[in-house]
Amino acid sequence: MESTSPVTPAPSSSSANRLSGSWPVVRIALTGFFALDGFLFAGWVVRIPEIKAQVHASPGLLGLALLCVSAGAVAAMGPVGRLCVRLGNHAVTVAASVLLCVAVALPPLTHSVLALGGVLLIFGAGYGAMNVGINSAAVDFVRAAGRPVMPSFHAAYSLGGLLGATVGGLLAPVLTPTQHLGLLAVGGLAVTAWAGRALMRHAVAHADATHADGSAGPSAGAGVALLVVLLGVVALCDAYGEGSMADWGALHLRQDLHATSAVAAAGFAVYSLTMTVGRLSGTRLVERFGPTKLLVAGAAIAATGMVAAAVSPSLPLALVGFLLVGLGLANIFPLAIDRAGALRGPRGVATASTLGFGGMVAGPPVIGFLAQAFGLPLALLSVAVLIALAGVSALVVRAKS
């Protein structure tokens, strides 16, 4: 990850010529897919309590069913990376979006935990495939356009998630889960039809270094594979923090700092909002400081904020810590995925995304076990440690690049 001025390689003449006239259309279409991904996932999450009651699941059985989302996503990511190489990122993105839109309507149609787990495997596969497809397409776009706009795509995902949760909360009292998620499926398919048509009209060359004659370029080396794994570690450490904050942050404010329910919810909202703001400003920050400096600085800010949020006895200081965590984490995952894709194309995106998703899955239960043994404040310090590790890993990647 170079931090020198030209942070994004100049596009090749062929890809630049293909993209120049359609740059706004492709960017808007990709932004729509990122926002749709976050919107659909959030819409499903807000209906989990009602679906739990519908299938008569105990907390333990519900946890096993929810793990099927992760299992489906992780199982899909590797094969989808290979499909992106064979069929093209845009085609795979559209197909994955169709699968995700259809799958989001299935959970409320189930009436047993076993059936719920089965459809969540499909939902997870669609979600994992969608994430590899859109991130691979975004990596190609970034290289062809010659600007580091990856953070803006991830900002669209965050905004989609916030909008999906808000709309879901408003619709919950007036629509059943079947009606709500069915509407999401229909609306998602409509967005897919529009954005997919735009993407399919404008192909972009893969970002990895494969020559036109089919011979391997620099991306074929074992050293590059190691760099991609290190970038996956960066993504894992970031996702560990994001998952832990989502599941345990508000509880920490409520339980350990005796905040009201409203203040605890506001604390997580501040974290989410500052992460979105950080991603919206990510492109300008990368252009000014370079990806490595931004990633390392973000890790330092987030780790400092997490220490303050975890151990401070002051509620206002803890809230400031949440703000810093959101700002610091904002661009770590997008930059790690972008660099992995630049090094190895869709395969790099799939590898880093799989490791990152593993961190998202592992974070909450690990925090739970640590909290049981040492208390929640000390358990949350593990987030600070892993975020710091993400910054160190980024420096190692730069040194070896």
Protein backbone atom coordinates (compact mmCIF):
# COMPACT_ATOMS: atom_id res chain seq x y z
CA MET A 1 0.00 0.00 0.00
CA GLU A 2 1.96 2.97 -1.19
CA SER A 3 1.34 6.29 0.46
CA THR A 4 2.98 8.34 -2.24
CA SER A 5 0.95 10.75 -4.28
CA PRO A 6 -0.33 8.57 -7.12
CA VAL A 7 -2.32 6.31 -4.80
CA THR A 8 -4.33 4.76 -7.62
CA PRO A 9 -2.61 3.48 -10.76
CA ALA A 10 -3.52 5.25 -13.93
CA PRO A 11 -6.01 3.32 -16.01
CA SER A 12 -4.87 1.50 -19.10
CA SER A 13 -5.80 3.20 -22.35
CA SER A 14 -8.26 0.45 -23.34
CA SER A 15 -10.16 0.40 -20.06
CA ALA A 16 -10.07 4.18 -19.82
CA ASN A 17 -11.53 4.55 -23.30
CA ARG A 18 -14.30 2.09 -22.53
CA LEU A 19 -15.16 3.77 -19.26
CA SER A 20 -14.68 7.48 -19.95
CA GLY A 21 -18.09 8.16 -21.46
CA SER A 22 -19.99 5.90 -19.05
CA TRP A 23 -18.11 6.76 -15.83
CA PRO A 24 -21.12 8.40 -14.05
CA VAL A 25 -23.55 5.66 -15.10
CA VAL A 26 -21.32 2.81 -13.91
CA ARG A 27 -20.54 4.57 -10.65
CA ILE A 28 -24.22 5.26 -9.91
CA ALA A 29 -25.14 1.65 -10.74
CA LEU A 30 -22.43 0.26 -8.44
CA THR A 31 -23.44 2.68 -5.70
CA GLY A 32 -27.01 1.42 -6.07
CA PHE A 33 -25.89 -2.19 -5.65
CA PHE A 34 -23.86 -1.37 -2.52
CA ALA A 35 -26.80 0.52 -1.00
CA LEU A 36 -29.19 -2.32 -1.92
CA ASP A 37 -26.90 -4.85 -0.22
CA GLY A 38 -26.98 -2.92 3.07
CA PHE A 39 -30.69 -2.13 2.77
CA LEU A 40 -31.76 -5.75 2.27
CA PHE A 41 -29.58 -7.09 5.07
CA ALA A 42 -30.83 -4.49 7.54
CA GLY A 43 -34.43 -5.16 6.51
CA TRP A 44 -33.98 -8.84 7.39
CA VAL A 45 -32.27 -8.08 10.71
CA VAL A 46 -35.09 -5.91 12.09
CA ARG A 47 -37.61 -8.73 11.55
CA ILE A 48 -35.58 -11.42 13.36
CA PRO A 49 -37.61 -11.19 16.63
CA GLU A 50 -40.92 -11.91 14.88
CA ILE A 51 -39.47 -14.73 12.81
CA LYS A 52 -37.94 -16.22 15.98
CA ALA A 53 -41.42 -16.33 17.53
CA GLN A 54 -42.93 -17.74 14.34
CA VAL A 55 -40.60 -20.76 14.27
CA HIS A 56 -40.74 -21.19 18.09
CA ALA A 57 -36.94 -21.04 18.38
CA SER A 58 -35.10 -20.94 21.67
CA PRO A 59 -32.22 -18.47 21.87
CA GLY A 60 -29.74 -21.29 21.31
CA LEU A 61 -31.54 -22.70 18.29
CA LEU A 62 -31.97 -19.23 16.82
CA GLY A 63 -28.23 -18.70 17.20
CA LEU A 64 -27.55 -21.89 15.27
CA ALA A 65 -29.99 -20.83 12.55
CA LEU A 66 -28.35 -17.41 12.28
CA LEU A 67 -24.94 -19.06 11.91
CA CYS A 68 -26.28 -20.48 8.65
CA VAL A 69 -26.09 -16.95 7.19
CA SER A 70 -22.38 -16.90 7.92
CA ALA A 71 -21.88 -20.45 6.72
CA GLY A 72 -23.63 -19.75 3.42
CA ALA A 73 -21.65 -16.54 2.88
CA VAL A 74 -18.25 -18.08 3.60
CA ALA A 75 -19.02 -21.14 1.45
CA ALA A 76 -20.00 -18.94 -1.50
CA MET A 77 -17.17 -16.41 -1.48
CA GLY A 78 -14.35 -18.56 -2.85
CA PRO A 79 -16.31 -20.12 -5.74
CA VAL A 80 -17.85 -16.74 -6.60
CA GLY A 81 -14.38 -15.21 -6.87
CA ARG A 82 -13.52 -17.82 -9.48
CA LEU A 83 -16.82 -17.22 -11.29
CA CYS A 84 -16.00 -13.52 -11.46
CA VAL A 85 -12.80 -14.36 -13.31
CA ARG A 86 -14.61 -16.64 -15.76
CA LEU A 87 -17.88 -14.76 -16.32
CA GLY A 88 -17.05 -11.16 -15.39
CA ASN A 89 -17.74 -9.19 -12.23
CA HIS A 90 -20.78 -7.38 -13.60
CA ALA A 91 -22.64 -10.53 -14.62
CA VAL A 92 -21.91 -12.20 -11.27
CA THR A 93 -23.00 -9.08 -9.38
CA VAL A 94 -26.37 -9.03 -11.14
CA ALA A 95 -26.94 -12.77 -10.62
CA ALA A 96 -25.97 -12.53 -6.93
CA SER A 97 -28.30 -9.57 -6.44
CA VAL A 98 -31.21 -11.56 -7.90
CA LEU A 99 -30.43 -14.44 -5.53
CA LEU A 100 -30.22 -12.11 -2.52
CA CYS A 101 -33.50 -10.36 -3.41
CA VAL A 102 -35.35 -13.66 -3.73
CA ALA A 103 -33.76 -15.11 -0.59
CA VAL A 104 -34.67 -12.16 1.65
CA ALA A 105 -38.36 -13.01 1.18
CA LEU A 106 -37.97 -16.64 2.29
CA PRO A 107 -37.39 -16.52 6.11
CA PRO A 108 -40.96 -15.47 7.05
CA LEU A 109 -42.32 -18.35 4.95
CA THR A 110 -40.72 -20.94 7.26
CA HIS A 111 -42.37 -22.58 10.27
CA SER A 112 -39.53 -24.57 11.82
CA VAL A 113 -35.98 -23.86 12.90
CA LEU A 114 -34.67 -26.44 10.43
CA ALA A 115 -36.45 -24.79 7.52
CA LEU A 116 -35.27 -21.36 8.69
CA GLY A 117 -31.67 -22.59 8.76
CA GLY A 118 -32.05 -23.93 5.23
CA VAL A 119 -33.31 -20.67 3.74
CA LEU A 120 -30.71 -18.69 5.70
CA LEU A 121 -28.01 -20.77 4.01
CA ILE A 122 -29.41 -19.52 0.69
CA PHE A 123 -29.66 -15.96 2.01
CA GLY A 124 -26.09 -16.12 3.27
CA ALA A 125 -24.86 -17.46 -0.06
CA GLY A 126 -26.57 -14.58 -1.85
CA TYR A 127 -25.12 -12.07 0.60
CA GLY A 128 -21.59 -13.48 0.30
CA ALA A 129 -21.80 -13.68 -3.48
CA MET A 130 -23.11 -10.13 -3.68
CA ASN A 131 -20.27 -8.81 -1.55
CA VAL A 132 -17.57 -10.49 -3.66
CA GLY A 133 -19.24 -9.39 -6.90
CA ILE A 134 -19.77 -5.73 -6.03
CA ASN A 135 -16.37 -5.33 -4.41
CA SER A 136 -14.63 -6.94 -7.39
CA ALA A 137 -16.57 -4.68 -9.76
CA ALA A 138 -15.71 -1.67 -7.60
CA VAL A 139 -12.00 -2.56 -7.65
CA ASP A 140 -12.11 -2.67 -11.46
CA PHE A 141 -13.92 0.66 -11.56
CA VAL A 142 -11.41 2.31 -9.23
CA ARG A 143 -8.50 1.22 -11.42
CA ALA A 144 -10.21 2.19 -14.68
CA ALA A 145 -11.39 5.57 -13.39
CA GLY A 146 -8.02 6.38 -11.80
CA ARG A 147 -9.54 7.68 -8.53
CA PRO A 148 -9.61 5.97 -5.10
CA VAL A 149 -13.41 6.02 -4.73
CA MET A 150 -13.79 2.66 -2.97
CA PRO A 151 -14.70 4.28 0.40
CA SER A 152 -17.65 6.06 -1.23
CA PHE A 153 -19.09 2.70 -2.32
CA HIS A 154 -18.86 1.39 1.22
CA ALA A 155 -20.47 4.59 2.47
CA ALA A 156 -23.43 3.69 0.24
CA TYR A 157 -23.58 0.29 1.96
CA SER A 158 -23.62 1.98 5.38
CA LEU A 159 -26.31 4.44 4.29
CA GLY A 160 -28.34 1.57 2.85
CA GLY A 161 -28.11 -0.23 6.16
CA LEU A 162 -29.22 2.83 8.13
CA LEU A 163 -32.10 3.41 5.73
CA GLY A 164 -33.09 -0.26 5.79
CA ALA A 165 -33.19 -0.34 9.59
CA THR A 166 -35.17 2.91 9.74
CA VAL A 167 -37.71 1.84 7.14
CA GLY A 168 -37.99 -1.57 8.77
CA GLY A 169 -38.70 0.00 12.14
CA LEU A 170 -41.40 2.20 10.64
CA LEU A 171 -43.04 -0.66 8.75
CA ALA A 172 -42.87 -3.22 11.56
CA PRO A 173 -46.10 -2.07 13.28
CA VAL A 174 -48.14 -2.01 10.06
CA LEU A 175 -46.78 -4.87 7.92
CA THR A 176 -46.15 -8.52 8.69
CA PRO A 177 -42.64 -9.86 8.10
CA THR A 178 -43.93 -11.65 5.00
CA GLN A 179 -45.35 -8.42 3.56
CA HIS A 180 -42.32 -6.32 4.50
CA LEU A 181 -39.64 -8.68 3.21
CA GLY A 182 -41.75 -9.47 0.14
CA LEU A 183 -41.82 -5.76 -0.70
CA LEU A 184 -38.07 -5.59 -0.19
CA ALA A 185 -37.64 -8.48 -2.63
CA VAL A 186 -39.78 -6.82 -5.30
CA GLY A 187 -38.12 -3.43 -4.84
CA GLY A 188 -34.68 -5.04 -4.84
CA LEU A 189 -35.39 -6.85 -8.10
CA ALA A 190 -36.50 -3.56 -9.64
CA VAL A 191 -33.24 -1.89 -8.56
CA THR A 192 -31.30 -4.89 -9.86
CA ALA A 193 -33.01 -4.66 -13.24
CA TRP A 194 -32.14 -0.97 -13.61
CA ALA A 195 -28.60 -1.04 -12.21
CA GLY A 196 -27.83 -4.41 -13.78
CA ARG A 197 -28.71 -3.16 -17.23
CA ALA A 198 -26.28 -0.27 -16.77
CA LEU A 199 -23.47 -2.56 -15.62
CA MET A 200 -23.96 -5.16 -18.34
CA ARG A 201 -23.66 -2.48 -21.01
CA HIS A 202 -20.26 -1.33 -19.75
CA ALA A 203 -17.63 -4.00 -19.16
CA VAL A 204 -14.41 -3.06 -17.35
CA ALA A 205 -11.15 -5.02 -17.50
CA HIS A 206 -10.12 -6.94 -14.37
CA ALA A 207 -7.78 -5.00 -12.09
CA ASP A 208 -5.35 -7.87 -11.54
CA ALA A 209 -2.18 -8.03 -13.64
CA THR A 210 -3.01 -10.68 -16.22
CA HIS A 211 -1.72 -9.97 -19.67
CA ALA A 212 -3.95 -9.96 -22.70
CA ASP A 213 -2.20 -13.04 -24.09
CA GLY A 214 -3.24 -15.02 -21.03
CA SER A 215 0.19 -15.18 -19.41
CA ALA A 216 0.41 -14.44 -15.72
CA GLY A 217 1.48 -11.06 -14.58
CA PRO A 218 2.94 -10.01 -11.23
CA SER A 219 -0.19 -11.11 -9.39
CA ALA A 220 0.70 -14.78 -9.88
CA GLY A 221 3.58 -14.83 -7.38
CA ALA A 222 3.41 -16.56 -4.01
CA GLY A 223 4.53 -13.32 -2.39
CA VAL A 224 1.46 -11.55 -3.70
CA ALA A 225 -0.74 -14.33 -2.29
CA LEU A 226 0.84 -13.69 1.11
CA LEU A 227 0.15 -9.97 0.78
CA VAL A 228 -3.49 -10.73 0.03
CA VAL A 229 -3.70 -12.89 3.16
CA LEU A 230 -2.19 -10.07 5.21
CA LEU A 231 -4.78 -7.71 3.77
CA GLY A 232 -7.40 -10.28 4.76
CA VAL A 233 -6.02 -10.10 8.30
CA VAL A 234 -6.47 -6.33 8.18
CA ALA A 235 -10.08 -6.84 7.08
CA LEU A 236 -10.59 -9.50 9.77
CA CYS A 237 -9.34 -7.22 12.55
CA ASP A 238 -11.55 -4.39 11.33
CA ALA A 239 -14.62 -6.62 11.02
CA TYR A 240 -14.00 -8.07 14.49
CA GLY A 241 -14.32 -4.53 15.82
CA GLU A 242 -17.39 -3.71 13.74
CA GLY A 243 -19.22 -6.87 14.79
CA SER A 244 -18.33 -6.39 18.45
CA MET A 245 -19.46 -2.78 18.47
CA ALA A 246 -22.77 -3.71 16.87
CA ASP A 247 -23.55 -6.47 19.38
CA TRP A 248 -21.90 -5.26 22.58
CA GLY A 249 -21.37 -1.49 22.36
CA ALA A 250 -24.82 -0.38 23.50
CA LEU A 251 -24.89 -3.05 26.22
CA HIS A 252 -21.59 -1.75 27.59
CA LEU A 253 -23.00 1.78 27.88
CA ARG A 254 -26.18 0.50 29.51
CA GLN A 255 -24.71 -2.10 31.84
CA ASP A 256 -21.32 -0.72 32.84
CA LEU A 257 -21.86 3.04 32.59
CA HIS A 258 -25.56 3.03 33.59
CA ALA A 259 -26.70 4.98 30.55
CA THR A 260 -30.39 5.13 29.74
CA SER A 261 -31.69 3.01 26.88
CA ALA A 262 -32.00 6.13 24.74
CA VAL A 263 -28.40 7.21 25.41
CA ALA A 264 -27.10 3.68 24.78
CA ALA A 265 -28.91 3.59 21.44
CA ALA A 266 -27.60 7.07 20.64
CA GLY A 267 -24.06 5.87 21.34
CA PHE A 268 -24.30 3.21 18.65
CA ALA A 269 -25.99 5.69 16.31
CA VAL A 270 -23.05 8.08 16.79
CA TYR A 271 -20.64 5.27 15.96
CA SER A 272 -22.59 4.35 12.81
CA LEU A 273 -22.97 7.95 11.69
CA THR A 274 -19.28 8.81 12.10
CA MET A 275 -18.33 5.66 10.20
CA THR A 276 -20.56 6.76 7.33
CA VAL A 277 -19.12 10.29 7.40
CA GLY A 278 -15.60 8.84 7.43
CA ARG A 279 -16.34 6.76 4.35
CA LEU A 280 -17.90 9.68 2.50
CA SER A 281 -14.71 11.66 3.03
CA GLY A 282 -12.45 8.66 2.36
CA THR A 283 -11.71 9.42 -1.28
CA ARG A 284 -10.39 12.91 -0.54
CA LEU A 285 -8.36 11.62 2.39
CA VAL A 286 -6.78 8.85 0.30
CA GLU A 287 -5.92 11.32 -2.45
CA ARG A 288 -4.29 13.65 0.05
CA PHE A 289 -2.47 11.25 2.40
CA GLY A 290 -2.32 7.91 0.60
CA PRO A 291 -3.98 4.63 1.61
CA THR A 292 -1.31 3.38 4.02
CA LYS A 293 -1.18 6.58 6.08
CA LEU A 294 -4.98 6.71 6.19
CA LEU A 295 -5.26 3.06 7.20
CA VAL A 296 -2.60 3.27 9.92
CA ALA A 297 -3.97 6.58 11.24
CA GLY A 298 -7.48 5.11 11.24
CA ALA A 299 -6.29 2.10 13.22
CA ALA A 300 -4.57 4.35 15.76
CA ILE A 301 -7.66 6.56 16.14
CA ALA A 302 -10.02 3.59 16.47
CA ALA A 303 -7.79 1.77 18.97
CA THR A 304 -7.49 4.90 21.10
CA GLY A 305 -11.23 5.44 20.97
CA MET A 306 -11.91 1.82 21.91
CA VAL A 307 -9.64 2.04 24.96
CA ALA A 308 -11.44 5.20 26.07
CA ALA A 309 -14.87 3.66 25.47
CA ALA A 310 -13.97 0.43 27.28
CA VAL A 311 -12.22 1.60 30.43
CA SER A 312 -13.41 5.17 31.02
CA PRO A 313 -15.79 5.58 33.97
CA SER A 314 -17.16 8.73 32.30
CA LEU A 315 -20.15 8.32 30.00
CA PRO A 316 -19.35 11.44 27.90
CA LEU A 317 -15.77 10.23 27.37
CA ALA A 318 -17.04 6.78 26.40
CA LEU A 319 -19.35 8.38 23.83
CA VAL A 320 -16.40 10.33 22.42
CA GLY A 321 -14.59 6.99 22.24
CA PHE A 322 -17.46 5.53 20.20
CA LEU A 323 -17.19 8.50 17.83
CA LEU A 324 -13.45 7.90 17.37
CA VAL A 325 -13.97 4.18 16.77
CA GLY A 326 -16.45 4.95 13.99
CA LEU A 327 -14.15 7.46 12.33
CA GLY A 328 -11.10 5.24 12.65
CA LEU A 329 -12.68 2.03 11.35
CA ALA A 330 -14.50 3.76 8.49
CA ASN A 331 -11.97 3.20 5.72
CA ILE A 332 -9.92 0.22 6.91
CA PHE A 333 -12.10 -2.49 5.38
CA PRO A 334 -12.69 -0.70 2.04
CA LEU A 335 -8.98 0.01 1.59
CA ALA A 336 -7.97 -3.56 2.46
CA ILE A 337 -10.46 -5.04 -0.02
CA ASP A 338 -9.46 -2.53 -2.69
CA ARG A 339 -5.76 -3.37 -2.39
CA ALA A 340 -6.41 -7.14 -2.30
CA GLY A 341 -8.46 -6.82 -5.49
CA ALA A 342 -5.78 -4.72 -7.16
CA LEU A 343 -3.22 -7.42 -6.40
CA ARG A 344 -5.21 -10.52 -7.36
CA GLY A 345 -8.49 -9.42 -8.87
CA PRO A 346 -11.70 -11.22 -7.79
CA ARG A 347 -9.70 -14.00 -6.13
CA GLY A 348 -8.02 -11.40 -3.92
CA VAL A 349 -11.37 -9.85 -3.07
CA ALA A 350 -12.79 -13.28 -2.22
CA THR A 351 -9.85 -14.17 0.03
CA ALA A 352 -9.86 -10.88 1.93
CA SER A 353 -13.66 -10.83 2.17
CA THR A 354 -13.77 -14.37 3.55
CA LEU A 355 -11.24 -13.53 6.25
CA GLY A 356 -13.04 -10.28 6.98
CA PHE A 357 -16.39 -11.99 7.28
CA GLY A 358 -14.77 -14.50 9.63
CA GLY A 359 -13.83 -11.60 11.90
CA MET A 360 -17.38 -10.26 11.79
CA VAL A 361 -18.73 -13.68 12.80
CA ALA A 362 -16.10 -14.43 15.46
CA GLY A 363 -16.10 -11.03 17.16
CA PRO A 364 -19.40 -11.09 19.08
CA PRO A 365 -19.07 -14.62 20.56
CA VAL A 366 -15.40 -14.10 21.46
CA ILE A 367 -16.34 -10.90 23.26
CA GLY A 368 -19.06 -12.87 25.05
CA PHE A 369 -16.65 -15.52 26.29
CA LEU A 370 -14.11 -12.90 27.38
CA ALA A 371 -16.83 -10.88 29.12
CA GLN A 372 -17.91 -13.97 31.03
CA ALA A 373 -14.36 -14.47 32.25
CA PHE A 374 -13.06 -10.92 32.73
CA GLY A 375 -16.01 -8.53 32.42
CA LEU A 376 -17.24 -6.63 29.37
CA PRO A 377 -14.92 -3.57 29.66
CA LEU A 378 -11.79 -5.74 29.57
CA ALA A 379 -13.28 -7.92 26.85
CA LEU A 380 -13.76 -4.86 24.65
CA LEU A 381 -10.06 -4.10 24.95
CA SER A 382 -9.49 -7.07 22.63
CA VAL A 383 -11.06 -4.89 19.92
CA ALA A 384 -8.40 -2.24 20.49
CA VAL A 385 -5.64 -4.88 20.30
CA LEU A 386 -6.89 -6.29 17.00
CA ILE A 387 -7.42 -2.85 15.49
CA ALA A 388 -3.82 -2.01 16.37
CA LEU A 389 -2.81 -5.29 14.71
CA ALA A 390 -4.62 -4.14 11.55
CA GLY A 391 -2.42 -1.03 11.47
CA VAL A 392 0.75 -3.08 11.93
CA SER A 393 -0.33 -5.50 9.20
CA ALA A 394 -0.89 -2.58 6.84
CA LEU A 395 2.68 -1.39 7.46
CA VAL A 396 3.98 -4.90 6.76
CA VAL A 397 2.04 -5.00 3.48
CA ARG A 398 3.53 -1.68 2.44
CA ALA A 399 7.04 -2.82 3.34
CA LYS A 400 6.69 -6.00 1.27
CA SER A 401 4.92 -4.37 -1.70
